[in-house]
């Protein structure tokens, strides 16, 4: 088990040492310095939760759409999402590879 953990740590470190991950963290830190931007992001998260519980609320959906449009027009936020997607793609790839390996290995027996 210790060998597996060491190999997983290598995979995690590879992701953390990637330029995309470093850029994502750098941009996130810059965004955290912008109080207005942080508040907008938090408001979007709150609205998302409210919409899940009340999907028929036109007011909530409109507010969410308006705020989301504003966020997507902020260059640093747009750049952050770009790098976040790239990092998430790496994580998904690792996850899918591990799942495939487990399924294949279990089905061999």
PDB file of N, CA and C in Angstrom:
ATOM      1  N   UNK A   1       0.828  -1.200   0.000  1.00  0.00           N
ATOM      2  CA  UNK A   1       0.000   0.000   0.000  1.00  0.00           C
ATOM      3  C   UNK A   1       0.868   1.257   0.000  1.00  0.00           C
ATOM      4  N   UNK A   2       1.992   1.165   0.683  1.00  0.00           N
ATOM      5  CA  UNK A   2       2.897   2.312   0.754  1.00  0.00           C
ATOM      6  C   UNK A   2       3.421   2.688  -0.641  1.00  0.00           C
ATOM      7  N   UNK A   3       3.661   1.686  -1.471  1.00  0.00           N
ATOM      8  CA  UNK A   3       4.129   1.945  -2.840  1.00  0.00           C
ATOM      9  C   UNK A   3       3.057   2.669  -3.651  1.00  0.00           C
ATOM     10  N   UNK A   4       1.817   2.279  -3.453  1.00  0.00           N
ATOM     11  CA  UNK A   4       0.705   2.914  -4.168  1.00  0.00           C
ATOM     12  C   UNK A   4       0.603   4.377  -3.770  1.00  0.00           C
ATOM     13  N   UNK A   5       0.699   4.632  -2.478  1.00  0.00           N
ATOM     14  CA  UNK A   5       0.621   6.010  -1.981  1.00  0.00           C
ATOM     15  C   UNK A   5       1.767   6.847  -2.539  1.00  0.00           C
ATOM     16  N   UNK A   6       2.955   6.276  -2.588  1.00  0.00           N
ATOM     17  CA  UNK A   6       4.097   7.011  -3.143  1.00  0.00           C
ATOM     18  C   UNK A   6       3.874   7.351  -4.614  1.00  0.00           C
ATOM     19  N   UNK A   7       3.321   6.400  -5.360  1.00  0.00           N
ATOM     20  CA  UNK A   7       3.061   6.659  -6.778  1.00  0.00           C
ATOM     21  C   UNK A   7       1.964   7.716  -6.962  1.00  0.00           C
ATOM     22  N   UNK A   8       0.945   7.652  -6.121  1.00  0.00           N
ATOM     23  CA  UNK A   8      -0.107   8.672  -6.190  1.00  0.00           C
ATOM     24  C   UNK A   8       0.444  10.043  -5.818  1.00  0.00           C
ATOM     25  N   UNK A   9       1.325  10.084  -4.838  1.00  0.00           N
ATOM     26  CA  UNK A   9       1.968  11.352  -4.479  1.00  0.00           C
ATOM     27  C   UNK A   9       2.756  11.915  -5.657  1.00  0.00           C
ATOM     28  N   UNK A  10       3.399  11.040  -6.423  1.00  0.00           N
ATOM     29  CA  UNK A  10       4.129  11.490  -7.617  1.00  0.00           C
ATOM     30  C   UNK A  10       3.174  12.112  -8.632  1.00  0.00           C
ATOM     31  N   UNK A  11       2.017  11.478  -8.811  1.00  0.00           N
ATOM     32  CA  UNK A  11       1.031  11.998  -9.753  1.00  0.00           C
ATOM     33  C   UNK A  11       0.534  13.364  -9.279  1.00  0.00           C
ATOM     34  N   UNK A  12       0.231  13.456  -7.991  1.00  0.00           N
ATOM     35  CA  UNK A  12      -0.244  14.723  -7.427  1.00  0.00           C
ATOM     36  C   UNK A  12       0.819  15.805  -7.574  1.00  0.00           C
ATOM     37  N   UNK A  13       2.057  15.463  -7.290  1.00  0.00           N
ATOM     38  CA  UNK A  13       3.142  16.439  -7.419  1.00  0.00           C
ATOM     39  C   UNK A  13       3.345  16.863  -8.868  1.00  0.00           C
ATOM     40  N   UNK A  14       3.145  15.939  -9.790  1.00  0.00           N
ATOM     41  CA  UNK A  14       3.256  16.287 -11.208  1.00  0.00           C
ATOM     42  C   UNK A  14       2.210  17.344 -11.574  1.00  0.00           C
ATOM     43  N   UNK A  15       0.997  17.136 -11.085  1.00  0.00           N
ATOM     44  CA  UNK A  15      -0.058  18.122 -11.348  1.00  0.00           C
ATOM     45  C   UNK A  15       0.286  19.450 -10.684  1.00  0.00           C
ATOM     46  N   UNK A  16       0.686  19.394  -9.410  1.00  0.00           N
ATOM     47  CA  UNK A  16       1.004  20.627  -8.679  1.00  0.00           C
ATOM     48  C   UNK A  16       2.195  21.373  -9.273  1.00  0.00           C
ATOM     49  N   UNK A  17       3.096  20.660  -9.899  1.00  0.00           N
ATOM     50  CA  UNK A  17       4.271  21.297 -10.497  1.00  0.00           C
ATOM     51  C   UNK A  17       4.045  21.728 -11.938  1.00  0.00           C
ATOM     52  N   UNK A  18       2.864  21.441 -12.464  1.00  0.00           N
ATOM     53  CA  UNK A  18       2.584  21.837 -13.850  1.00  0.00           C
ATOM     54  C   UNK A  18       2.422  23.359 -13.936  1.00  0.00           C
ATOM     55  N   UNK A  19       2.749  23.885 -15.088  1.00  0.00           N
ATOM     56  CA  UNK A  19       2.601  25.332 -15.318  1.00  0.00           C
ATOM     57  C   UNK A  19       1.146  25.760 -15.201  1.00  0.00           C
ATOM     58  N   UNK A  20       0.246  24.913 -15.665  1.00  0.00           N
ATOM     59  CA  UNK A  20      -1.181  25.251 -15.602  1.00  0.00           C
ATOM     60  C   UNK A  20      -1.656  25.385 -14.153  1.00  0.00           C
ATOM     61  N   UNK A  21      -1.254  24.465 -13.299  1.00  0.00           N
ATOM     62  CA  UNK A  21      -1.647  24.521 -11.889  1.00  0.00           C
ATOM     63  C   UNK A  21      -1.050  25.771 -11.221  1.00  0.00           C
ATOM     64  N   UNK A  22       0.214  26.012 -11.471  1.00  0.00           N
ATOM     65  CA  UNK A  22       0.882  27.175 -10.879  1.00  0.00           C
ATOM     66  C   UNK A  22       0.211  28.475 -11.328  1.00  0.00           C
ATOM     67  N   UNK A  23      -0.139  28.539 -12.596  1.00  0.00           N
ATOM     68  CA  UNK A  23      -0.799  29.736 -13.121  1.00  0.00           C
ATOM     69  C   UNK A  23      -2.182  29.900 -12.501  1.00  0.00           C
ATOM     70  N   UNK A  24      -2.890  28.793 -12.336  1.00  0.00           N
ATOM     71  CA  UNK A  24      -4.220  28.817 -11.733  1.00  0.00           C
ATOM     72  C   UNK A  24      -4.137  29.374 -10.304  1.00  0.00           C
ATOM     73  N   UNK A  25      -3.188  28.901  -9.534  1.00  0.00           N
ATOM     74  CA  UNK A  25      -3.009  29.369  -8.150  1.00  0.00           C
ATOM     75  C   UNK A  25      -2.585  30.834  -8.132  1.00  0.00           C
ATOM     76  N   UNK A  26      -1.695  31.209  -9.021  1.00  0.00           N
ATOM     77  CA  UNK A  26      -1.240  32.600  -9.100  1.00  0.00           C
ATOM     78  C   UNK A  26      -2.417  33.539  -9.371  1.00  0.00           C
ATOM     79  N   UNK A  27      -3.253  33.167 -10.334  1.00  0.00           N
ATOM     80  CA  UNK A  27      -4.405  34.001 -10.687  1.00  0.00           C
ATOM     81  C   UNK A  27      -5.409  34.027  -9.537  1.00  0.00           C
ATOM     82  N   UNK A  28      -5.634  32.890  -8.911  1.00  0.00           N
ATOM     83  CA  UNK A  28      -6.578  32.844  -7.789  1.00  0.00           C
ATOM     84  C   UNK A  28      -6.116  33.774  -6.665  1.00  0.00           C
ATOM     85  N   UNK A  29      -4.828  33.778  -6.388  1.00  0.00           N
ATOM     86  CA  UNK A  29      -4.308  34.672  -5.351  1.00  0.00           C
ATOM     87  C   UNK A  29      -4.513  36.138  -5.726  1.00  0.00           C
ATOM     88  N   UNK A  30      -4.332  36.462  -6.989  1.00  0.00           N
ATOM     89  CA  UNK A  30      -4.576  37.837  -7.444  1.00  0.00           C
ATOM     90  C   UNK A  30      -6.051  38.190  -7.309  1.00  0.00           C
ATOM     91  N   UNK A  31      -6.903  37.251  -7.662  1.00  0.00           N
ATOM     92  CA  UNK A  31      -8.342  37.504  -7.568  1.00  0.00           C
ATOM     93  C   UNK A  31      -8.762  37.703  -6.118  1.00  0.00           C
ATOM     94  N   UNK A  32      -8.144  36.980  -5.200  1.00  0.00           N
ATOM     95  CA  UNK A  32      -8.490  37.104  -3.787  1.00  0.00           C
ATOM     96  C   UNK A  32      -8.193  38.493  -3.234  1.00  0.00           C
ATOM     97  N   UNK A  33      -7.337  39.234  -3.913  1.00  0.00           N
ATOM     98  CA  UNK A  33      -7.032  40.605  -3.504  1.00  0.00           C
ATOM     99  C   UNK A  33      -8.124  41.581  -3.924  1.00  0.00           C
ATOM    100  N   UNK A  34      -9.014  41.145  -4.793  1.00  0.00           N
ATOM    101  CA  UNK A  34     -10.083  41.996  -5.310  1.00  0.00           C
ATOM    102  C   UNK A  34     -11.381  41.648  -4.576  1.00  0.00           C
ATOM    103  N   UNK A  35     -11.714  42.441  -3.582  1.00  0.00           N
ATOM    104  CA  UNK A  35     -12.880  42.167  -2.732  1.00  0.00           C
ATOM    105  C   UNK A  35     -14.168  42.101  -3.532  1.00  0.00           C
ATOM    106  N   UNK A  36     -14.336  43.002  -4.471  1.00  0.00           N
ATOM    107  CA  UNK A  36     -15.554  43.018  -5.275  1.00  0.00           C
ATOM    108  C   UNK A  36     -15.697  41.721  -6.081  1.00  0.00           C
ATOM    109  N   UNK A  37     -14.610  41.267  -6.661  1.00  0.00           N
ATOM    110  CA  UNK A  37     -14.625  40.034  -7.442  1.00  0.00           C
ATOM    111  C   UNK A  37     -14.944  38.829  -6.549  1.00  0.00           C
ATOM    112  N   UNK A  38     -14.325  38.763  -5.397  1.00  0.00           N
ATOM    113  CA  UNK A  38     -14.577  37.662  -4.454  1.00  0.00           C
ATOM    114  C   UNK A  38     -16.044  37.647  -4.035  1.00  0.00           C
ATOM    115  N   UNK A  39     -16.598  38.818  -3.772  1.00  0.00           N
ATOM    116  CA  UNK A  39     -18.016  38.899  -3.384  1.00  0.00           C
ATOM    117  C   UNK A  39     -18.934  38.441  -4.516  1.00  0.00           C
ATOM    118  N   UNK A  40     -18.579  38.789  -5.734  1.00  0.00           N
ATOM    119  CA  UNK A  40     -19.380  38.361  -6.881  1.00  0.00           C
ATOM    120  C   UNK A  40     -19.345  36.832  -7.014  1.00  0.00           C
ATOM    121  N   UNK A  41     -18.181  36.262  -6.861  1.00  0.00           N
ATOM    122  CA  UNK A  41     -18.038  34.806  -6.962  1.00  0.00           C
ATOM    123  C   UNK A  41     -18.836  34.119  -5.859  1.00  0.00           C
ATOM    124  N   UNK A  42     -18.748  34.641  -4.665  1.00  0.00           N
ATOM    125  CA  UNK A  42     -19.502  34.058  -3.544  1.00  0.00           C
ATOM    126  C   UNK A  42     -21.004  34.183  -3.773  1.00  0.00           C
ATOM    127  N   UNK A  43     -21.419  35.308  -4.317  1.00  0.00           N
ATOM    128  CA  UNK A  43     -22.844  35.507  -4.599  1.00  0.00           C
ATOM    129  C   UNK A  43     -23.336  34.503  -5.649  1.00  0.00           C
ATOM    130  N   UNK A  44     -22.518  34.251  -6.657  1.00  0.00           N
ATOM    131  CA  UNK A  44     -22.879  33.264  -7.681  1.00  0.00           C
ATOM    132  C   UNK A  44     -23.062  31.889  -7.038  1.00  0.00           C
ATOM    133  N   UNK A  45     -22.168  31.531  -6.134  1.00  0.00           N
ATOM    134  CA  UNK A  45     -22.277  30.230  -5.451  1.00  0.00           C
ATOM    135  C   UNK A  45     -23.567  30.139  -4.639  1.00  0.00           C
ATOM    136  N   UNK A  46     -23.896  31.215  -3.939  1.00  0.00           N
ATOM    137  CA  UNK A  46     -25.134  31.243  -3.151  1.00  0.00           C
ATOM    138  C   UNK A  46     -26.342  31.112  -4.079  1.00  0.00           C
ATOM    139  N   UNK A  47     -26.320  31.840  -5.177  1.00  0.00           N
ATOM    140  CA  UNK A  47     -27.434  31.779  -6.125  1.00  0.00           C
ATOM    141  C   UNK A  47     -27.580  30.388  -6.731  1.00  0.00           C
ATOM    142  N   UNK A  48     -26.470  29.745  -7.029  1.00  0.00           N
ATOM    143  CA  UNK A  48     -26.526  28.386  -7.573  1.00  0.00           C
ATOM    144  C   UNK A  48     -27.258  27.453  -6.606  1.00  0.00           C
ATOM    145  N   UNK A  49     -26.922  27.553  -5.340  1.00  0.00           N
ATOM    146  CA  UNK A  49     -27.573  26.695  -4.336  1.00  0.00           C
ATOM    147  C   UNK A  49     -29.059  27.010  -4.228  1.00  0.00           C
ATOM    148  N   UNK A  50     -29.382  28.291  -4.255  1.00  0.00           N
ATOM    149  CA  UNK A  50     -30.790  28.678  -4.158  1.00  0.00           C
ATOM    150  C   UNK A  50     -31.579  28.197  -5.373  1.00  0.00           C
ATOM    151  N   UNK A  51     -30.973  28.265  -6.534  1.00  0.00           N
ATOM    152  CA  UNK A  51     -31.653  27.844  -7.757  1.00  0.00           C
ATOM    153  C   UNK A  51     -31.900  26.336  -7.734  1.00  0.00           C
ATOM    154  N   UNK A  52     -30.964  25.584  -7.197  1.00  0.00           N
ATOM    155  CA  UNK A  52     -31.165  24.139  -7.089  1.00  0.00           C
ATOM    156  C   UNK A  52     -32.402  23.840  -6.249  1.00  0.00           C
ATOM    157  N   UNK A  53     -32.568  24.587  -5.178  1.00  0.00           N
ATOM    158  CA  UNK A  53     -33.715  24.378  -4.286  1.00  0.00           C
ATOM    159  C   UNK A  53     -35.003  25.031  -4.799  1.00  0.00           C
ATOM    160  N   UNK A  54     -34.857  25.992  -5.700  1.00  0.00           N
ATOM    161  CA  UNK A  54     -36.021  26.716  -6.205  1.00  0.00           C
ATOM    162  C   UNK A  54     -35.816  27.028  -7.695  1.00  0.00           C
ATOM    163  N   UNK A  55     -35.798  25.991  -8.554  1.00  0.00           N
ATOM    164  CA  UNK A  55     -35.455  26.192  -9.972  1.00  0.00           C
ATOM    165  C   UNK A  55     -36.470  27.009 -10.768  1.00  0.00           C
ATOM    166  N   UNK A  56     -37.645  27.204 -10.227  1.00  0.00           N
ATOM    167  CA  UNK A  56     -38.668  27.965 -10.953  1.00  0.00           C
ATOM    168  C   UNK A  56     -38.610  29.462 -10.682  1.00  0.00           C
ATOM    169  N   UNK A  57     -37.696  29.887  -9.835  1.00  0.00           N
ATOM    170  CA  UNK A  57     -37.597  31.304  -9.498  1.00  0.00           C
ATOM    171  C   UNK A  57     -36.902  32.079 -10.618  1.00  0.00           C
ATOM    172  N   UNK A  58     -37.685  32.797 -11.365  1.00  0.00           N
ATOM    173  CA  UNK A  58     -37.159  33.594 -12.477  1.00  0.00           C
ATOM    174  C   UNK A  58     -36.205  34.678 -11.954  1.00  0.00           C
ATOM    175  N   UNK A  59     -36.541  35.271 -10.813  1.00  0.00           N
ATOM    176  CA  UNK A  59     -35.691  36.327 -10.248  1.00  0.00           C
ATOM    177  C   UNK A  59     -34.296  35.798  -9.912  1.00  0.00           C
ATOM    178  N   UNK A  60     -34.242  34.631  -9.300  1.00  0.00           N
ATOM    179  CA  UNK A  60     -32.948  34.035  -8.955  1.00  0.00           C
ATOM    180  C   UNK A  60     -32.149  33.709 -10.213  1.00  0.00           C
ATOM    181  N   UNK A  61     -32.815  33.118 -11.179  1.00  0.00           N
ATOM    182  CA  UNK A  61     -32.142  32.743 -12.425  1.00  0.00           C
ATOM    183  C   UNK A  61     -31.641  33.989 -13.154  1.00  0.00           C
ATOM    184  N   UNK A  62     -32.447  35.029 -13.195  1.00  0.00           N
ATOM    185  CA  UNK A  62     -32.021  36.268 -13.853  1.00  0.00           C
ATOM    186  C   UNK A  62     -30.839  36.910 -13.145  1.00  0.00           C
ATOM    187  N   UNK A  63     -30.902  36.936 -11.818  1.00  0.00           N
ATOM    188  CA  UNK A  63     -29.784  37.509 -11.056  1.00  0.00           C
ATOM    189  C   UNK A  63     -28.513  36.698 -11.300  1.00  0.00           C
ATOM    190  N   UNK A  64     -28.663  35.379 -11.270  1.00  0.00           N
ATOM    191  CA  UNK A  64     -27.511  34.505 -11.517  1.00  0.00           C
ATOM    192  C   UNK A  64     -26.925  34.770 -12.908  1.00  0.00           C
ATOM    193  N   UNK A  65     -27.783  34.800 -13.914  1.00  0.00           N
ATOM    194  CA  UNK A  65     -27.313  35.017 -15.288  1.00  0.00           C
ATOM    195  C   UNK A  65     -26.618  36.358 -15.449  1.00  0.00           C
ATOM    196  N   UNK A  66     -27.192  37.399 -14.864  1.00  0.00           N
ATOM    197  CA  UNK A  66     -26.584  38.734 -14.951  1.00  0.00           C
ATOM    198  C   UNK A  66     -25.207  38.756 -14.288  1.00  0.00           C
ATOM    199  N   UNK A  67     -25.146  38.191 -13.097  1.00  0.00           N
ATOM    200  CA  UNK A  67     -23.885  38.189 -12.361  1.00  0.00           C
ATOM    201  C   UNK A  67     -22.852  37.305 -13.047  1.00  0.00           C
ATOM    202  N   UNK A  68     -23.285  36.188 -13.552  1.00  0.00           N
ATOM    203  CA  UNK A  68     -22.378  35.277 -14.253  1.00  0.00           C
ATOM    204  C   UNK A  68     -21.834  35.926 -15.523  1.00  0.00           C
ATOM    205  N   UNK A  69     -22.686  36.671 -16.228  1.00  0.00           N
ATOM    206  CA  UNK A  69     -22.230  37.401 -17.415  1.00  0.00           C
ATOM    207  C   UNK A  69     -21.174  38.438 -17.050  1.00  0.00           C
ATOM    208  N   UNK A  70     -21.395  39.152 -15.952  1.00  0.00           N
ATOM    209  CA  UNK A  70     -20.416  40.145 -15.501  1.00  0.00           C
ATOM    210  C   UNK A  70     -19.082  39.479 -15.184  1.00  0.00           C
ATOM    211  N   UNK A  71     -19.163  38.363 -14.468  1.00  0.00           N
ATOM    212  CA  UNK A  71     -17.933  37.649 -14.111  1.00  0.00           C
ATOM    213  C   UNK A  71     -17.178  37.189 -15.358  1.00  0.00           C
ATOM    214  N   UNK A  72     -17.904  36.648 -16.307  1.00  0.00           N
ATOM    215  CA  UNK A  72     -17.258  36.125 -17.512  1.00  0.00           C
ATOM    216  C   UNK A  72     -16.663  37.216 -18.389  1.00  0.00           C
ATOM    217  N   UNK A  73     -17.028  38.455 -18.130  1.00  0.00           N
ATOM    218  CA  UNK A  73     -16.446  39.578 -18.870  1.00  0.00           C
ATOM    219  C   UNK A  73     -15.254  40.202 -18.148  1.00  0.00           C
ATOM    220  N   UNK A  74     -14.887  39.646 -17.012  1.00  0.00           N
ATOM    221  CA  UNK A  74     -13.700  40.109 -16.287  1.00  0.00           C
ATOM    222  C   UNK A  74     -12.527  39.247 -16.741  1.00  0.00           C
ATOM    223  N   UNK A  75     -11.546  39.859 -17.400  1.00  0.00           N
ATOM    224  CA  UNK A  75     -10.451  39.076 -17.998  1.00  0.00           C
ATOM    225  C   UNK A  75      -9.741  38.120 -17.025  1.00  0.00           C
ATOM    226  N   UNK A  76      -9.442  38.572 -15.821  1.00  0.00           N
ATOM    227  CA  UNK A  76      -8.701  37.716 -14.897  1.00  0.00           C
ATOM    228  C   UNK A  76      -9.538  36.498 -14.482  1.00  0.00           C
ATOM    229  N   UNK A  77     -10.830  36.694 -14.336  1.00  0.00           N
ATOM    230  CA  UNK A  77     -11.717  35.576 -13.986  1.00  0.00           C
ATOM    231  C   UNK A  77     -11.797  34.591 -15.152  1.00  0.00           C
ATOM    232  N   UNK A  78     -11.918  35.122 -16.345  1.00  0.00           N
ATOM    233  CA  UNK A  78     -11.970  34.278 -17.541  1.00  0.00           C
ATOM    234  C   UNK A  78     -10.677  33.477 -17.679  1.00  0.00           C
ATOM    235  N   UNK A  79      -9.543  34.111 -17.436  1.00  0.00           N
ATOM    236  CA  UNK A  79      -8.253  33.432 -17.496  1.00  0.00           C
ATOM    237  C   UNK A  79      -8.154  32.352 -16.417  1.00  0.00           C
ATOM    238  N   UNK A  80      -8.652  32.660 -15.225  1.00  0.00           N
ATOM    239  CA  UNK A  80      -8.659  31.686 -14.128  1.00  0.00           C
ATOM    240  C   UNK A  80      -9.459  30.447 -14.525  1.00  0.00           C
ATOM    241  N   UNK A  81     -10.639  30.650 -15.085  1.00  0.00           N
ATOM    242  CA  UNK A  81     -11.468  29.513 -15.498  1.00  0.00           C
ATOM    243  C   UNK A  81     -10.760  28.666 -16.552  1.00  0.00           C
ATOM    244  N   UNK A  82     -10.033  29.307 -17.449  1.00  0.00           N
ATOM    245  CA  UNK A  82      -9.282  28.600 -18.485  1.00  0.00           C
ATOM    246  C   UNK A  82      -8.271  27.641 -17.843  1.00  0.00           C
ATOM    247  N   UNK A  83      -7.470  28.165 -16.919  1.00  0.00           N
ATOM    248  CA  UNK A  83      -6.456  27.320 -16.285  1.00  0.00           C
ATOM    249  C   UNK A  83      -7.079  26.303 -15.333  1.00  0.00           C
ATOM    250  N   UNK A  84      -8.156  26.676 -14.676  1.00  0.00           N
ATOM    251  CA  UNK A  84      -8.852  25.741 -13.801  1.00  0.00           C
ATOM    252  C   UNK A  84      -9.387  24.555 -14.607  1.00  0.00           C
ATOM    253  N   UNK A  85      -9.924  24.814 -15.776  1.00  0.00           N
ATOM    254  CA  UNK A  85     -10.398  23.738 -16.649  1.00  0.00           C
ATOM    255  C   UNK A  85      -9.261  22.806 -17.044  1.00  0.00           C
ATOM    256  N   UNK A  86      -8.096  23.373 -17.331  1.00  0.00           N
ATOM    257  CA  UNK A  86      -6.954  22.545 -17.708  1.00  0.00           C
ATOM    258  C   UNK A  86      -6.499  21.668 -16.544  1.00  0.00           C
ATOM    259  N   UNK A  87      -6.477  22.230 -15.342  1.00  0.00           N
ATOM    260  CA  UNK A  87      -6.089  21.451 -14.158  1.00  0.00           C
ATOM    261  C   UNK A  87      -7.134  20.373 -13.881  1.00  0.00           C
ATOM    262  N   UNK A  88      -8.393  20.740 -13.957  1.00  0.00           N
ATOM    263  CA  UNK A  88      -9.454  19.755 -13.740  1.00  0.00           C
ATOM    264  C   UNK A  88      -9.389  18.631 -14.770  1.00  0.00           C
ATOM    265  N   UNK A  89      -9.018  18.952 -15.998  1.00  0.00           N
ATOM    266  CA  UNK A  89      -8.882  17.916 -17.034  1.00  0.00           C
ATOM    267  C   UNK A  89      -7.783  16.926 -16.658  1.00  0.00           C
ATOM    268  N   UNK A  90      -6.689  17.421 -16.091  1.00  0.00           N
ATOM    269  CA  UNK A  90      -5.623  16.516 -15.641  1.00  0.00           C
ATOM    270  C   UNK A  90      -6.128  15.598 -14.530  1.00  0.00           C
ATOM    271  N   UNK A  91      -6.851  16.172 -13.594  1.00  0.00           N
ATOM    272  CA  UNK A  91      -7.374  15.394 -12.462  1.00  0.00           C
ATOM    273  C   UNK A  91      -8.383  14.354 -12.960  1.00  0.00           C
ATOM    274  N   UNK A  92      -9.246  14.754 -13.863  1.00  0.00           N
ATOM    275  CA  UNK A  92     -10.234  13.832 -14.421  1.00  0.00           C
ATOM    276  C   UNK A  92      -9.531  12.699 -15.171  1.00  0.00           C
ATOM    277  N   UNK A  93      -8.482  13.025 -15.908  1.00  0.00           N
ATOM    278  CA  UNK A  93      -7.730  12.007 -16.630  1.00  0.00           C
ATOM    279  C   UNK A  93      -7.156  10.971 -15.666  1.00  0.00           C
ATOM    280  N   UNK A  94      -6.563  11.437 -14.582  1.00  0.00           N
ATOM    281  CA  UNK A  94      -5.997  10.524 -13.581  1.00  0.00           C
ATOM    282  C   UNK A  94      -7.105   9.685 -12.959  1.00  0.00           C
ATOM    283  N   UNK A  95      -8.181  10.323 -12.598  1.00  0.00           N
ATOM    284  CA  UNK A  95      -9.318   9.622 -11.993  1.00  0.00           C
ATOM    285  C   UNK A  95      -9.876   8.547 -12.938  1.00  0.00           C
ATOM    286  N   UNK A  96     -10.081   8.923 -14.191  1.00  0.00           N
ATOM    287  CA  UNK A  96     -10.598   7.967 -15.163  1.00  0.00           C
ATOM    288  C   UNK A  96      -9.622   6.809 -15.387  1.00  0.00           C
ATOM    289  N   UNK A  97      -8.346   7.118 -15.430  1.00  0.00           N
ATOM    290  CA  UNK A  97      -7.339   6.069 -15.612  1.00  0.00           C
ATOM    291  C   UNK A  97      -7.338   5.097 -14.446  1.00  0.00           C
ATOM    292  N   UNK A  98      -7.435   5.630 -13.244  1.00  0.00           N
ATOM    293  CA  UNK A  98      -7.488   4.760 -12.067  1.00  0.00           C
ATOM    294  C   UNK A  98      -8.754   3.915 -12.074  1.00  0.00           C
ATOM    295  N   UNK A  99      -9.884   4.519 -12.396  1.00  0.00           N
ATOM    296  CA  UNK A  99     -11.133   3.765 -12.466  1.00  0.00           C
ATOM    297  C   UNK A  99     -11.057   2.657 -13.504  1.00  0.00           C
ATOM    298  N   UNK A 100     -10.524   2.983 -14.671  1.00  0.00           N
ATOM    299  CA  UNK A 100     -10.381   1.976 -15.724  1.00  0.00           C
ATOM    300  C   UNK A 100      -9.486   0.830 -15.264  1.00  0.00           C
ATOM    301  N   UNK A 101      -8.391   1.187 -14.609  1.00  0.00           N
ATOM    302  CA  UNK A 101      -7.466   0.172 -14.112  1.00  0.00           C
ATOM    303  C   UNK A 101      -8.157  -0.749 -13.100  1.00  0.00           C
ATOM    304  N   UNK A 102      -8.894  -0.167 -12.160  1.00  0.00           N
ATOM    305  CA  UNK A 102      -9.582  -0.975 -11.158  1.00  0.00           C
ATOM    306  C   UNK A 102     -10.637  -1.883 -11.793  1.00  0.00           C
ATOM    307  N   UNK A 103     -11.413  -1.342 -12.696  1.00  0.00           N
ATOM    308  CA  UNK A 103     -12.449  -2.140 -13.349  1.00  0.00           C
ATOM    309  C   UNK A 103     -11.815  -3.295 -14.130  1.00  0.00           C
ATOM    310  N   UNK A 104     -10.769  -2.980 -14.875  1.00  0.00           N
ATOM    311  CA  UNK A 104     -10.084  -4.008 -15.662  1.00  0.00           C
ATOM    312  C   UNK A 104      -9.491  -5.077 -14.750  1.00  0.00           C
ATOM    313  N   UNK A 105      -8.859  -4.660 -13.684  1.00  0.00           N
ATOM    314  CA  UNK A 105      -8.212  -5.604 -12.767  1.00  0.00           C
ATOM    315  C   UNK A 105      -9.247  -6.462 -12.051  1.00  0.00           C
ATOM    316  N   UNK A 106     -10.320  -5.868 -11.606  1.00  0.00           N
ATOM    317  CA  UNK A 106     -11.366  -6.617 -10.893  1.00  0.00           C
ATOM    318  C   UNK A 106     -12.056  -7.602 -11.828  1.00  0.00           C
ATOM    319  N   UNK A 107     -12.270  -7.216 -13.069  1.00  0.00           N
ATOM    320  CA  UNK A 107     -12.961  -8.083 -14.017  1.00  0.00           C
ATOM    321  C   UNK A 107     -12.084  -9.237 -14.512  1.00  0.00           C
ATOM    322  N   UNK A 108     -10.788  -9.163 -14.285  1.00  0.00           N
ATOM    323  CA  UNK A 108      -9.898 -10.252 -14.674  1.00  0.00           C
ATOM    324  C   UNK A 108     -10.075 -11.479 -13.784  1.00  0.00           C
ATOM    325  N   UNK A 109     -10.588 -11.291 -12.603  1.00  0.00           N
ATOM    326  CA  UNK A 109     -10.723 -12.404 -11.655  1.00  0.00           C
ATOM    327  C   UNK A 109     -12.064 -12.994 -11.696  1.00  0.00           C
TER     328      UNK A 109
END
